[in-house]
Amino acid sequence: MKRIQVATTLCLALSVSLLIGCSATVEPEKTAEPAASTLLDQSIHDALPQAIQDAGELTVVTSGANPPWWVTVPGETGEYTGAGAELMAAVGEVMGIEVKIATVPDISGAFAAISAERYAFGFFPYADSVGGPKERPGAEFVDVLQEVVPFLVEKGNPKNVTSMDELCDVTVAALANAATYKVAEAQAVKCQEQGKDLTVLSVASVPDGVLALRSGRTDAFFTGGASLFHAAKESNGELEVVGDDFANGFAGQFMGALLPKDSELSDPLLASFQVLFDNGDYEKIMTKYGLDREIIDQPGINLYADWLVENPQ
């Protein structure tokens, strides 16, 4: 399994309208030179922005540990394994460049850094919101999977969590500044109107959300299904996923890479993923990490907007 070097996030002051948070990064450490790859597609390499071609590298930003996408390596500070790491390594081989990874903990900070051209694009993966009520202005997505957004709870579901529409009188954790957090906040308002209460707990990472549940600080953790199914599998039967049969505010949820709107990197990135879809590497990586349920037939740009046309809300 390939490891990709990640820069440690310290403190990056960002002052961008409507973007919240202070997350900062040092420049990513240089990784070892990649071996010659049979995946190289010269036409895709030549379509990359000239600055990337000249540098021979690009930096992808992620929001930190998110098993099974991004898994920290014990004893190896600044390295990740996982499905995200392997997909990004494969994309770099197709493009014929070196891929580095940097960490910005929340999506708002990540998008601000990408928009400022500090990084090339983001891959957590991030939830496509283009065309929907939670749209992030100025963003576009190269989508490579479709996700459910359920809840992680203690085995036996002692608080009887079912769906977001019925979630009241409990505490729910969600990632800070993520769309899931905003959906949970909206539900808290509805609960208040019913004379009930819903406490929304902000957590910085997927492992933090799992820890909050295990320690009793929250009754449920609300985020992308892949991470929750993985956490349940690794819990020795102590945790389970519920609510995966409901939309929970995320019907038709496609996910993938985050870029500024009309980025000149979007088409080469889409073409790179298409190579991985066509040669079977995408399915091989996804299946390896138990991501069979998230696989889609073809990658695309802003697939959620296309889905909304066919499924108006």
Protein backbone atom coordinates (compact mmCIF):
# COMPACT_ATOMS: atom_id res chain seq x y z
CA MET A 1 0.00 0.00 0.00
CA LYS A 2 1.34 3.43 -0.89
CA ARG A 3 1.80 6.08 1.73
CA ILE A 4 1.41 9.75 0.94
CA GLN A 5 3.22 12.40 2.93
CA VAL A 6 1.01 14.94 4.72
CA ALA A 7 1.89 18.32 6.12
CA THR A 8 0.98 18.85 9.76
CA THR A 9 -1.69 21.49 10.22
CA LEU A 10 -0.81 24.20 12.68
CA CYS A 11 -2.49 27.59 12.18
CA LEU A 12 -3.47 29.32 8.92
CA ALA A 13 -5.29 32.61 9.37
CA LEU A 14 -7.95 32.82 6.73
CA SER A 15 -10.20 35.82 6.30
CA VAL A 16 -12.74 34.87 3.68
CA SER A 17 -16.35 36.00 3.66
CA LEU A 18 -18.76 33.36 4.92
CA LEU A 19 -15.92 30.92 5.63
CA ILE A 20 -15.42 30.09 9.27
CA GLY A 21 -12.44 28.79 11.15
CA CYS A 22 -8.73 29.23 11.61
CA SER A 23 -6.72 26.33 10.34
CA ALA A 24 -3.29 26.61 9.08
CA THR A 25 -0.69 24.60 7.45
CA VAL A 26 2.98 24.40 6.89
CA GLU A 27 4.15 23.49 3.44
CA PRO A 28 3.95 19.76 2.73
CA GLU A 29 7.14 17.78 3.05
CA LYS A 30 8.53 16.42 -0.15
CA THR A 31 7.85 12.74 -0.74
CA ALA A 32 10.14 10.27 -2.44
CA GLU A 33 10.28 10.51 -6.20
CA PRO A 34 7.64 8.21 -7.70
CA ALA A 35 8.72 5.25 -9.78
CA ALA A 36 7.99 5.26 -13.48
CA SER A 37 4.31 4.44 -13.94
CA THR A 38 2.49 2.52 -16.62
CA LEU A 39 -0.59 4.61 -15.75
CA LEU A 40 0.87 7.81 -17.22
CA ASP A 41 -1.46 9.42 -19.75
CA GLN A 42 0.56 12.02 -21.64
CA SER A 43 -2.51 13.83 -22.98
CA ILE A 44 -3.80 14.33 -19.42
CA HIS A 45 -0.37 15.49 -18.26
CA ASP A 46 -0.24 18.02 -21.10
CA ALA A 47 -3.71 19.31 -20.16
CA LEU A 48 -2.64 20.18 -16.61
CA PRO A 49 -2.19 23.86 -15.72
CA GLN A 50 1.28 24.93 -16.80
CA ALA A 51 2.33 25.77 -13.26
CA ILE A 52 1.66 22.19 -12.18
CA GLN A 53 3.50 20.77 -15.19
CA ASP A 54 6.48 22.99 -14.44
CA ALA A 55 6.52 22.04 -10.75
CA GLY A 56 5.98 18.36 -11.44
CA GLU A 57 3.73 18.17 -8.41
CA LEU A 58 0.46 19.32 -6.85
CA THR A 59 -0.87 19.36 -3.30
CA VAL A 60 -4.22 17.89 -2.32
CA VAL A 61 -5.87 19.09 0.89
CA THR A 62 -7.87 16.80 3.16
CA SER A 63 -9.50 17.36 6.54
CA GLY A 64 -7.45 14.80 8.43
CA ALA A 65 -8.00 11.25 9.64
CA ASN A 66 -11.15 9.73 8.16
CA PRO A 67 -10.98 5.91 8.06
CA PRO A 68 -11.23 4.11 5.69
CA TRP A 69 -10.35 7.07 3.40
CA TRP A 70 -7.45 8.51 5.38
CA VAL A 71 -5.81 6.33 8.02
CA THR A 72 -2.87 7.57 10.08
CA VAL A 73 0.15 5.28 10.19
CA PRO A 74 1.13 4.27 13.75
CA GLY A 75 4.60 5.55 14.56
CA GLU A 76 4.88 7.40 11.24
CA THR A 77 3.98 11.04 11.85
CA GLY A 78 2.66 12.77 8.75
CA GLU A 79 1.71 9.72 6.71
CA TYR A 80 -1.62 8.26 5.62
CA THR A 81 -2.81 5.02 4.16
CA GLY A 82 -6.38 4.26 3.11
CA ALA A 83 -8.65 4.51 0.10
CA GLY A 84 -8.14 8.27 -0.28
CA ALA A 85 -4.37 7.92 -0.13
CA GLU A 86 -4.37 5.17 -2.75
CA LEU A 87 -6.76 6.99 -5.08
CA MET A 88 -4.69 10.17 -4.93
CA ALA A 89 -1.48 8.22 -5.56
CA ALA A 90 -3.09 6.61 -8.61
CA VAL A 91 -4.34 9.98 -9.89
CA GLY A 92 -0.80 11.31 -9.60
CA GLU A 93 0.53 8.38 -11.63
CA VAL A 94 -2.01 9.01 -14.38
CA MET A 95 -1.08 12.70 -14.45
CA GLY A 96 2.63 11.93 -14.32
CA ILE A 97 3.26 14.17 -11.31
CA GLU A 98 4.01 13.86 -7.61
CA VAL A 99 1.05 14.21 -5.25
CA LYS A 100 1.51 15.71 -1.79
CA ILE A 101 -1.12 15.91 0.95
CA ALA A 102 -1.80 18.79 3.35
CA THR A 103 -4.35 18.93 6.15
CA VAL A 104 -6.89 21.65 6.95
CA PRO A 105 -9.39 20.40 9.56
CA ASP A 106 -12.70 21.77 8.22
CA ILE A 107 -14.23 22.22 4.79
CA SER A 108 -14.54 26.00 5.08
CA GLY A 109 -10.84 26.42 5.75
CA ALA A 110 -9.98 23.86 3.09
CA PHE A 111 -12.04 25.61 0.42
CA ALA A 112 -10.60 28.99 1.36
CA ALA A 113 -7.07 27.62 0.93
CA ILE A 114 -7.96 25.96 -2.38
CA SER A 115 -9.63 29.12 -3.68
CA ALA A 116 -6.50 31.09 -2.75
CA GLU A 117 -4.54 28.59 -4.89
CA ARG A 118 -2.55 27.42 -1.89
CA TYR A 119 -3.56 23.89 -2.84
CA ALA A 120 -4.74 22.31 -6.09
CA PHE A 121 -7.95 20.66 -4.88
CA GLY A 122 -9.46 18.87 -1.88
CA PHE A 123 -10.35 15.23 -1.39
CA PHE A 124 -11.78 13.99 1.92
CA PRO A 125 -14.00 13.10 0.00
CA TYR A 126 -16.25 16.18 0.19
CA ALA A 127 -20.03 16.26 -0.29
CA ASP A 128 -21.22 17.78 -3.58
CA SER A 129 -23.66 20.61 -2.81
CA VAL A 130 -23.91 22.38 -6.19
CA GLY A 131 -27.53 23.19 -7.03
CA GLY A 132 -28.88 22.29 -3.60
CA PRO A 133 -29.97 24.28 -0.54
CA LYS A 134 -26.57 23.72 1.11
CA GLU A 135 -24.59 24.93 -1.91
CA ARG A 136 -21.15 26.38 -1.22
CA PRO A 137 -20.86 29.42 -3.56
CA GLY A 138 -17.95 29.28 -5.96
CA ALA A 139 -17.30 25.54 -5.60
CA GLU A 140 -17.51 22.63 -7.98
CA PHE A 141 -16.93 18.93 -7.52
CA VAL A 142 -15.43 16.05 -9.43
CA ASP A 143 -17.61 13.27 -8.05
CA VAL A 144 -16.46 9.67 -7.74
CA LEU A 145 -18.93 8.06 -5.32
CA GLN A 146 -22.43 8.25 -3.91
CA GLU A 147 -23.02 8.13 -0.18
CA VAL A 148 -25.69 7.66 2.47
CA VAL A 149 -25.50 9.83 5.59
CA PRO A 150 -26.71 7.86 8.63
CA PHE A 151 -25.96 7.74 12.37
CA LEU A 152 -23.45 5.82 14.45
CA VAL A 153 -24.89 4.77 17.82
CA GLU A 154 -24.17 2.38 20.65
CA LYS A 155 -25.11 -1.23 19.95
CA GLY A 156 -28.81 -1.73 20.52
CA ASN A 157 -29.56 1.92 19.74
CA PRO A 158 -30.56 2.83 23.32
CA LYS A 159 -31.86 6.30 22.34
CA ASN A 160 -33.95 4.86 19.48
CA VAL A 161 -32.38 7.07 16.80
CA THR A 162 -34.15 6.52 13.47
CA SER A 163 -33.93 9.47 11.08
CA MET A 164 -33.03 13.16 11.10
CA ASP A 165 -36.69 14.12 10.74
CA GLU A 166 -37.47 12.39 14.05
CA LEU A 167 -34.30 13.31 15.93
CA CYS A 168 -35.10 15.21 19.14
CA ASP A 169 -34.26 15.02 22.86
CA VAL A 170 -30.77 13.63 22.26
CA THR A 171 -27.27 14.92 21.57
CA VAL A 172 -25.88 14.44 18.07
CA ALA A 173 -22.28 15.04 16.99
CA ALA A 174 -21.30 16.33 13.55
CA LEU A 175 -18.16 17.67 11.92
CA ALA A 176 -17.60 21.40 12.44
CA ASN A 177 -18.73 23.56 9.48
CA ALA A 178 -19.78 20.49 7.48
CA ALA A 179 -23.17 20.22 5.78
CA THR A 180 -24.16 17.56 8.32
CA TYR A 181 -23.67 20.06 11.13
CA LYS A 182 -25.93 22.59 9.39
CA VAL A 183 -28.63 19.95 8.82
CA ALA A 184 -28.49 18.99 12.49
CA GLU A 185 -28.74 22.65 13.54
CA ALA A 186 -31.84 23.07 11.35
CA GLN A 187 -33.39 20.03 13.01
CA ALA A 188 -32.62 21.52 16.43
CA VAL A 189 -34.77 24.52 15.50
CA LYS A 190 -37.63 22.20 14.52
CA CYS A 191 -37.30 20.35 17.81
CA GLN A 192 -37.46 23.63 19.70
CA GLU A 193 -40.68 24.54 17.89
CA GLN A 194 -42.11 21.25 19.18
CA GLY A 195 -41.07 22.03 22.73
CA LYS A 196 -38.25 19.51 22.55
CA ASP A 197 -34.47 19.77 22.54
CA LEU A 198 -31.66 18.65 20.26
CA THR A 199 -28.08 19.41 21.24
CA VAL A 200 -25.59 19.53 18.38
CA LEU A 201 -22.01 18.78 19.35
CA SER A 202 -19.24 20.04 17.07
CA VAL A 203 -16.32 17.67 16.53
CA ALA A 204 -13.12 18.31 14.60
CA SER A 205 -12.67 14.91 12.96
CA VAL A 206 -14.25 11.53 12.34
CA PRO A 207 -12.15 9.85 15.09
CA ASP A 208 -13.25 12.64 17.47
CA GLY A 209 -16.88 11.91 16.65
CA VAL A 210 -16.43 8.21 17.32
CA LEU A 211 -14.64 8.99 20.59
CA ALA A 212 -17.46 11.36 21.64
CA LEU A 213 -19.94 8.53 21.15
CA ARG A 214 -17.83 5.97 23.01
CA SER A 215 -17.26 8.36 25.93
CA GLY A 216 -20.96 9.17 26.28
CA ARG A 217 -20.66 12.83 25.28
CA THR A 218 -23.07 12.27 22.40
CA ASP A 219 -25.89 9.84 21.67
CA ALA A 220 -25.20 9.65 17.94
CA PHE A 221 -22.59 10.67 15.38
CA PHE A 222 -23.93 11.98 12.07
CA THR A 223 -21.65 11.89 9.03
CA GLY A 224 -20.90 10.01 5.80
CA GLY A 225 -21.83 6.34 5.86
CA ALA A 226 -18.47 4.93 4.73
CA SER A 227 -16.75 6.27 7.85
CA LEU A 228 -19.53 5.07 10.13
CA PHE A 229 -19.77 1.56 8.68
CA HIS A 230 -16.00 1.30 9.08
CA ALA A 231 -16.16 2.49 12.70
CA ALA A 232 -18.92 -0.01 13.49
CA LYS A 233 -16.92 -2.83 11.92
CA GLU A 234 -13.86 -1.91 13.99
CA SER A 235 -15.81 -1.58 17.27
CA ASN A 236 -16.00 -5.30 18.14
CA GLY A 237 -19.79 -5.12 18.14
CA GLU A 238 -20.04 -2.12 20.47
CA LEU A 239 -21.33 0.33 17.84
CA GLU A 240 -23.81 0.11 14.97
CA VAL A 241 -25.10 2.20 12.08
CA VAL A 242 -28.77 3.20 11.97
CA GLY A 243 -30.87 5.41 9.72
CA ASP A 244 -29.15 4.39 6.48
CA ASP A 245 -32.55 3.76 4.87
CA PHE A 246 -33.44 7.46 5.22
CA ALA A 247 -32.22 10.47 3.24
CA ASN A 248 -31.56 12.50 6.43
CA GLY A 249 -31.29 15.66 4.34
CA PHE A 250 -28.83 14.12 1.88
CA ALA A 251 -30.82 12.39 -0.83
CA GLY A 252 -28.74 11.80 -3.94
CA GLN A 253 -25.51 12.59 -2.12
CA PHE A 254 -22.54 12.45 -4.49
CA MET A 255 -19.05 13.03 -3.13
CA GLY A 256 -15.59 13.64 -4.49
CA ALA A 257 -12.94 16.28 -5.07
CA LEU A 258 -13.52 19.94 -4.17
CA LEU A 259 -12.34 22.69 -6.55
CA PRO A 260 -13.13 26.33 -7.30
CA LYS A 261 -15.84 26.76 -9.92
CA ASP A 262 -14.54 26.45 -13.51
CA SER A 263 -11.12 25.35 -12.30
CA GLU A 264 -8.76 24.53 -15.19
CA LEU A 265 -7.82 21.43 -13.21
CA SER A 266 -11.35 19.96 -13.16
CA ASP A 267 -11.25 18.36 -16.62
CA PRO A 268 -7.78 16.77 -16.24
CA LEU A 269 -8.79 15.47 -12.82
CA LEU A 270 -12.02 14.02 -14.21
CA ALA A 271 -10.07 12.40 -17.06
CA SER A 272 -7.61 10.92 -14.56
CA PHE A 273 -10.39 9.36 -12.54
CA GLN A 274 -11.95 8.07 -15.76
CA VAL A 275 -8.73 6.17 -16.48
CA LEU A 276 -8.97 4.54 -13.04
CA PHE A 277 -12.64 3.68 -13.61
CA ASP A 278 -11.88 2.18 -17.03
CA ASN A 279 -8.86 0.10 -16.01
CA GLY A 280 -10.51 -1.30 -12.86
CA ASP A 281 -8.19 0.38 -10.34
CA TYR A 282 -11.04 2.50 -8.90
CA GLU A 283 -13.21 -0.54 -8.16
CA LYS A 284 -10.21 -2.48 -6.86
CA ILE A 285 -9.30 0.26 -4.36
CA MET A 286 -12.89 0.88 -3.29
CA THR A 287 -13.57 -2.81 -2.76
CA LYS A 288 -10.31 -3.29 -0.85
CA TYR A 289 -11.52 -0.83 1.78
CA GLY A 290 -15.11 -2.09 2.02
CA LEU A 291 -16.53 0.78 -0.05
CA ASP A 292 -18.59 -1.37 -2.41
CA ARG A 293 -21.86 0.41 -1.57
CA GLU A 294 -20.37 3.80 -2.55
CA ILE A 295 -19.20 2.78 -6.05
CA ILE A 296 -20.73 4.60 -9.04
CA ASP A 297 -20.57 3.74 -12.75
CA GLN A 298 -18.84 6.90 -13.99
CA PRO A 299 -17.17 9.95 -12.44
CA GLY A 300 -18.54 13.37 -13.31
CA ILE A 301 -18.56 17.07 -12.52
CA ASN A 302 -21.37 18.34 -10.26
CA LEU A 303 -23.35 15.10 -10.47
CA TYR A 304 -25.62 16.21 -7.63
CA ALA A 305 -26.95 19.09 -9.76
CA ASP A 306 -27.71 16.58 -12.53
CA TRP A 307 -29.44 14.33 -10.00
CA LEU A 308 -31.60 17.23 -8.80
CA VAL A 309 -32.86 17.85 -12.33
CA GLU A 310 -34.21 14.32 -12.43
CA ASN A 311 -35.27 14.30 -8.78
CA PRO A 312 -36.58 17.81 -7.91
CA GLN A 313 -36.91 18.32 -4.15
